[in-house]
N, C-alpha and C. Protein backbone atom coordinates (compact mmCIF):
# COMPACT_ATOMS: atom_id res chain seq x y z
N MET A 1 32.59 32.35 4.05
CA MET A 1 31.94 32.57 2.73
C MET A 1 31.90 31.48 1.76
N LEU A 2 33.22 30.88 1.70
CA LEU A 2 33.53 29.70 0.86
C LEU A 2 32.54 28.45 1.41
N ASN A 3 32.83 28.42 2.75
CA ASN A 3 32.13 27.21 3.46
C ASN A 3 30.74 27.19 3.22
N ARG A 4 29.96 28.18 3.28
CA ARG A 4 28.76 28.40 3.26
C ARG A 4 28.25 27.61 1.79
N SER A 5 29.09 28.31 0.61
CA SER A 5 28.61 28.00 -0.65
C SER A 5 28.89 26.51 -1.03
N VAL A 6 29.92 25.98 -0.50
CA VAL A 6 30.11 24.50 -0.39
C VAL A 6 28.86 23.93 -0.10
N THR A 7 28.50 24.18 1.19
CA THR A 7 27.11 23.56 1.99
C THR A 7 26.07 23.84 0.82
N ILE A 8 25.74 24.79 0.48
CA ILE A 8 24.53 25.16 -0.42
C ILE A 8 24.87 24.14 -1.81
N ARG A 9 26.15 24.03 -2.36
CA ARG A 9 26.17 23.07 -3.56
C ARG A 9 25.94 21.75 -2.93
N MET A 10 26.17 21.07 -1.95
CA MET A 10 26.18 20.00 -1.46
C MET A 10 24.73 19.44 -1.17
N ALA A 11 23.97 20.55 -0.53
CA ALA A 11 22.67 20.30 -0.16
C ALA A 11 21.88 20.24 -1.75
N CYS A 12 22.29 20.84 -2.53
CA CYS A 12 21.76 20.92 -4.02
C CYS A 12 21.75 19.78 -4.81
N LEU A 13 23.05 19.05 -4.52
CA LEU A 13 23.50 18.32 -5.37
C LEU A 13 22.57 16.74 -4.44
N ILE A 14 22.59 16.76 -3.33
CA ILE A 14 21.79 15.60 -2.74
C ILE A 14 20.63 15.68 -2.99
N CYS A 15 19.76 16.95 -3.08
CA CYS A 15 18.56 17.06 -3.73
C CYS A 15 18.07 16.49 -4.74
N ILE A 16 19.03 16.91 -5.93
CA ILE A 16 18.90 16.75 -7.23
C ILE A 16 19.15 15.19 -7.09
N SER A 17 20.16 14.56 -6.60
CA SER A 17 20.29 12.89 -6.65
C SER A 17 19.13 12.37 -6.16
N MET A 18 18.53 12.66 -5.20
CA MET A 18 17.22 12.15 -4.48
C MET A 18 16.07 12.08 -5.38
N ILE A 19 15.94 12.99 -6.39
CA ILE A 19 14.81 13.40 -7.26
C ILE A 19 15.15 12.38 -8.39
N LEU A 20 16.24 11.98 -8.86
CA LEU A 20 16.64 11.24 -10.04
C LEU A 20 16.28 9.77 -9.48
N ASN A 21 16.53 9.58 -8.44
CA ASN A 21 16.61 8.37 -7.61
C ASN A 21 15.19 7.92 -7.68
N ALA A 22 14.48 9.17 -7.23
CA ALA A 22 12.97 8.55 -7.28
C ALA A 22 12.19 8.19 -8.44
N CYS A 23 12.79 9.01 -9.35
CA CYS A 23 12.14 8.97 -10.81
C CYS A 23 12.76 7.81 -11.53
N SER A 24 13.85 6.99 -11.19
CA SER A 24 14.49 5.99 -12.01
C SER A 24 13.76 4.70 -11.60
N SER A 25 13.20 4.50 -10.78
CA SER A 25 12.90 3.26 -10.39
C SER A 25 11.18 2.85 -10.45
N LEU A 26 10.54 3.44 -11.57
CA LEU A 26 9.26 3.54 -11.64
C LEU A 26 8.93 2.16 -12.17
N GLN A 27 7.87 1.16 -11.60
CA GLN A 27 7.51 0.09 -11.98
C GLN A 27 6.58 -0.33 -11.58
N PRO A 28 5.59 -1.16 -12.15
CA PRO A 28 4.34 -1.40 -11.43
C PRO A 28 4.82 -2.37 -9.97
N TRP A 29 4.14 -1.96 -9.21
CA TRP A 29 3.94 -2.81 -7.72
C TRP A 29 3.21 -4.07 -7.90
N VAL A 30 2.20 -3.94 -8.85
CA VAL A 30 1.29 -5.33 -8.81
C VAL A 30 1.74 -6.10 -9.92
N LYS A 31 1.98 -7.42 -9.75
CA LYS A 31 2.58 -8.39 -10.73
C LYS A 31 1.23 -8.71 -11.58
N PRO A 32 1.67 -9.16 -12.81
CA PRO A 32 0.47 -9.41 -13.83
C PRO A 32 -0.35 -10.59 -13.22
N TYR A 33 0.06 -11.45 -12.53
CA TYR A 33 -0.69 -12.70 -11.94
C TYR A 33 -1.50 -12.25 -10.53
N GLU A 34 -0.83 -11.10 -10.01
CA GLU A 34 -1.68 -10.62 -8.75
C GLU A 34 -2.95 -9.69 -9.21
N ARG A 35 -2.94 -9.58 -10.56
CA ARG A 35 -4.14 -8.38 -10.72
C ARG A 35 -5.54 -9.19 -10.80
N ALA A 36 -5.42 -10.29 -10.61
CA ALA A 36 -6.76 -11.03 -10.81
C ALA A 36 -7.42 -11.20 -9.44
N ALA A 37 -6.55 -10.63 -8.34
CA ALA A 37 -7.04 -10.50 -6.89
C ALA A 37 -7.44 -9.20 -6.95
N MET A 38 -6.85 -8.18 -7.45
CA MET A 38 -7.57 -7.00 -7.47
C MET A 38 -8.68 -6.60 -7.98
N ALA A 39 -9.01 -7.38 -8.90
CA ALA A 39 -10.16 -7.19 -9.71
C ALA A 39 -11.38 -7.88 -9.10
N ASP A 40 -11.45 -8.05 -8.10
CA ASP A 40 -12.18 -8.77 -7.29
C ASP A 40 -13.47 -7.91 -6.73
N GLU A 41 -14.60 -8.41 -6.36
CA GLU A 41 -15.79 -7.51 -6.23
C GLU A 41 -15.59 -6.59 -5.08
N ILE A 42 -15.01 -7.44 -3.98
CA ILE A 42 -14.76 -6.72 -2.68
C ILE A 42 -14.02 -5.44 -3.06
N MET A 43 -13.25 -5.39 -4.03
CA MET A 43 -12.10 -4.22 -4.24
C MET A 43 -12.77 -2.96 -4.96
N SER A 44 -13.91 -3.47 -5.15
CA SER A 44 -14.78 -2.03 -6.01
C SER A 44 -15.26 -0.96 -5.11
N ALA A 45 -15.11 0.02 -5.62
CA ALA A 45 -15.68 1.44 -4.89
C ALA A 45 -16.96 1.43 -4.57
N ASP A 46 -17.80 0.54 -5.32
CA ASP A 46 -19.32 0.58 -5.02
C ASP A 46 -19.67 -0.42 -4.18
N ARG A 47 -20.47 -0.03 -3.16
CA ARG A 47 -20.87 -0.81 -2.28
C ARG A 47 -21.72 -2.13 -2.66
N ASN A 48 -22.81 -1.24 -3.76
CA ASN A 48 -23.61 -1.96 -4.09
C ASN A 48 -23.86 -1.81 -5.69
N PRO A 49 -23.31 -2.59 -6.49
CA PRO A 49 -23.13 -2.10 -7.87
C PRO A 49 -24.60 -1.97 -8.53
N ALA A 50 -25.75 -2.61 -7.91
CA ALA A 50 -26.75 -2.54 -8.51
C ALA A 50 -27.60 -1.32 -8.41
N ILE A 51 -27.26 -0.55 -7.17
CA ILE A 51 -27.98 0.72 -6.83
C ILE A 51 -27.09 1.51 -7.70
N SER A 52 -25.85 1.27 -8.04
CA SER A 52 -24.82 2.32 -8.52
C SER A 52 -25.42 2.50 -10.07
N ALA A 53 -25.62 1.10 -10.37
CA ALA A 53 -26.01 1.41 -11.80
C ALA A 53 -27.47 2.08 -12.39
N TYR A 54 -28.48 1.68 -11.00
CA TYR A 54 -29.64 2.51 -11.36
C TYR A 54 -29.53 4.00 -11.25
N THR A 55 -28.44 4.46 -10.22
CA THR A 55 -28.61 6.09 -10.10
C THR A 55 -27.92 6.28 -11.15
N ASP A 56 -27.03 5.73 -11.99
CA ASP A 56 -26.46 6.09 -12.95
C ASP A 56 -27.23 6.27 -14.33
N HIS A 57 -28.26 5.29 -14.22
CA HIS A 57 -29.14 5.32 -15.22
C HIS A 57 -30.22 6.58 -15.03
N ILE A 58 -30.59 7.06 -13.96
CA ILE A 58 -31.33 8.02 -13.54
C ILE A 58 -30.51 9.49 -13.90
N ARG A 59 -29.45 9.35 -13.49
CA ARG A 59 -28.59 10.59 -13.77
C ARG A 59 -28.64 10.80 -15.19
N GLU A 60 -28.34 9.71 -16.25
CA GLU A 60 -28.26 9.77 -17.60
C GLU A 60 -29.58 10.14 -18.28
N VAL A 61 -30.77 9.90 -17.73
CA VAL A 61 -32.05 10.34 -18.20
C VAL A 61 -32.36 11.71 -17.80
N ARG A 62 -31.85 11.92 -16.55
CA ARG A 62 -32.27 13.65 -16.16
C ARG A 62 -31.27 14.37 -17.02
N GLU A 63 -30.15 14.23 -16.76
CA GLU A 63 -29.16 15.05 -17.83
C GLU A 63 -29.43 15.09 -19.32
N GLY A 64 -29.91 14.09 -19.74
CA GLY A 64 -30.03 13.78 -21.20
C GLY A 64 -28.70 13.38 -21.93
N ALA A 65 -27.76 12.96 -21.20
CA ALA A 65 -26.62 12.45 -21.63
C ALA A 65 -26.04 11.27 -21.38
N HIS A 66 -25.62 10.40 -22.15
CA HIS A 66 -25.32 8.70 -22.06
C HIS A 66 -24.04 8.57 -21.85
N GLY A 67 -23.57 7.88 -20.81
CA GLY A 67 -22.15 7.74 -20.55
C GLY A 67 -21.67 8.71 -19.90
N ALA A 68 -21.87 9.69 -19.29
CA ALA A 68 -21.31 10.74 -18.60
C ALA A 68 -20.57 10.07 -17.39
N THR A 69 -20.49 8.73 -17.18
CA THR A 69 -19.99 8.50 -15.93
C THR A 69 -18.55 7.66 -16.41
N GLY A 70 -17.81 8.39 -17.16
CA GLY A 70 -16.48 7.74 -17.65
C GLY A 70 -16.17 7.29 -18.53
N GLY A 71 -16.96 7.26 -19.82
CA GLY A 71 -17.29 6.85 -20.99
C GLY A 71 -16.17 7.82 -21.94
N ALA A 72 -15.66 6.83 -22.97
CA ALA A 72 -14.66 7.67 -23.77
C ALA A 72 -15.47 8.68 -24.64
N GLY A 73 -15.13 9.82 -24.90
CA GLY A 73 -15.74 10.39 -25.97
C GLY A 73 -14.81 11.65 -26.15
N GLY A 74 -15.24 12.46 -27.45
CA GLY A 74 -14.53 13.49 -27.74
C GLY A 74 -14.86 14.96 -26.80
N GLY A 75 -16.12 14.90 -26.23
CA GLY A 75 -16.56 16.29 -25.76
C GLY A 75 -17.70 16.65 -26.47
N CYS A 76 -17.96 16.29 -27.84
CA CYS A 76 -19.07 16.66 -28.63
C CYS A 76 -20.07 16.10 -28.55
N GLY A 77 -20.24 15.02 -27.77
CA GLY A 77 -21.65 14.34 -27.40
C GLY A 77 -21.58 12.84 -27.91
N CYS A 78 -20.71 12.60 -28.80
CA CYS A 78 -20.58 11.33 -29.37
C CYS A 78 -20.12 10.34 -28.71
N LEU A 79 -20.69 8.95 -28.95
CA LEU A 79 -19.86 7.81 -28.20
C LEU A 79 -18.78 7.30 -28.77
């Protein structure tokens, strides 16, 4: 009985230490001087930005809401 409780405690201690170790080293992997390469057009999610802008405009006209594709706002309809 004593042996099993020691095993459980050790397993819990190992799990807690692994969780704390995973949370302790949060830092950006991309250096500031490497961010220019990440902002390249080829890294964009849109294959064709002109077509995406057109379809966003059509959606805004149809829905009657401007900036519904990620614009900041309070949810009240103001920009």
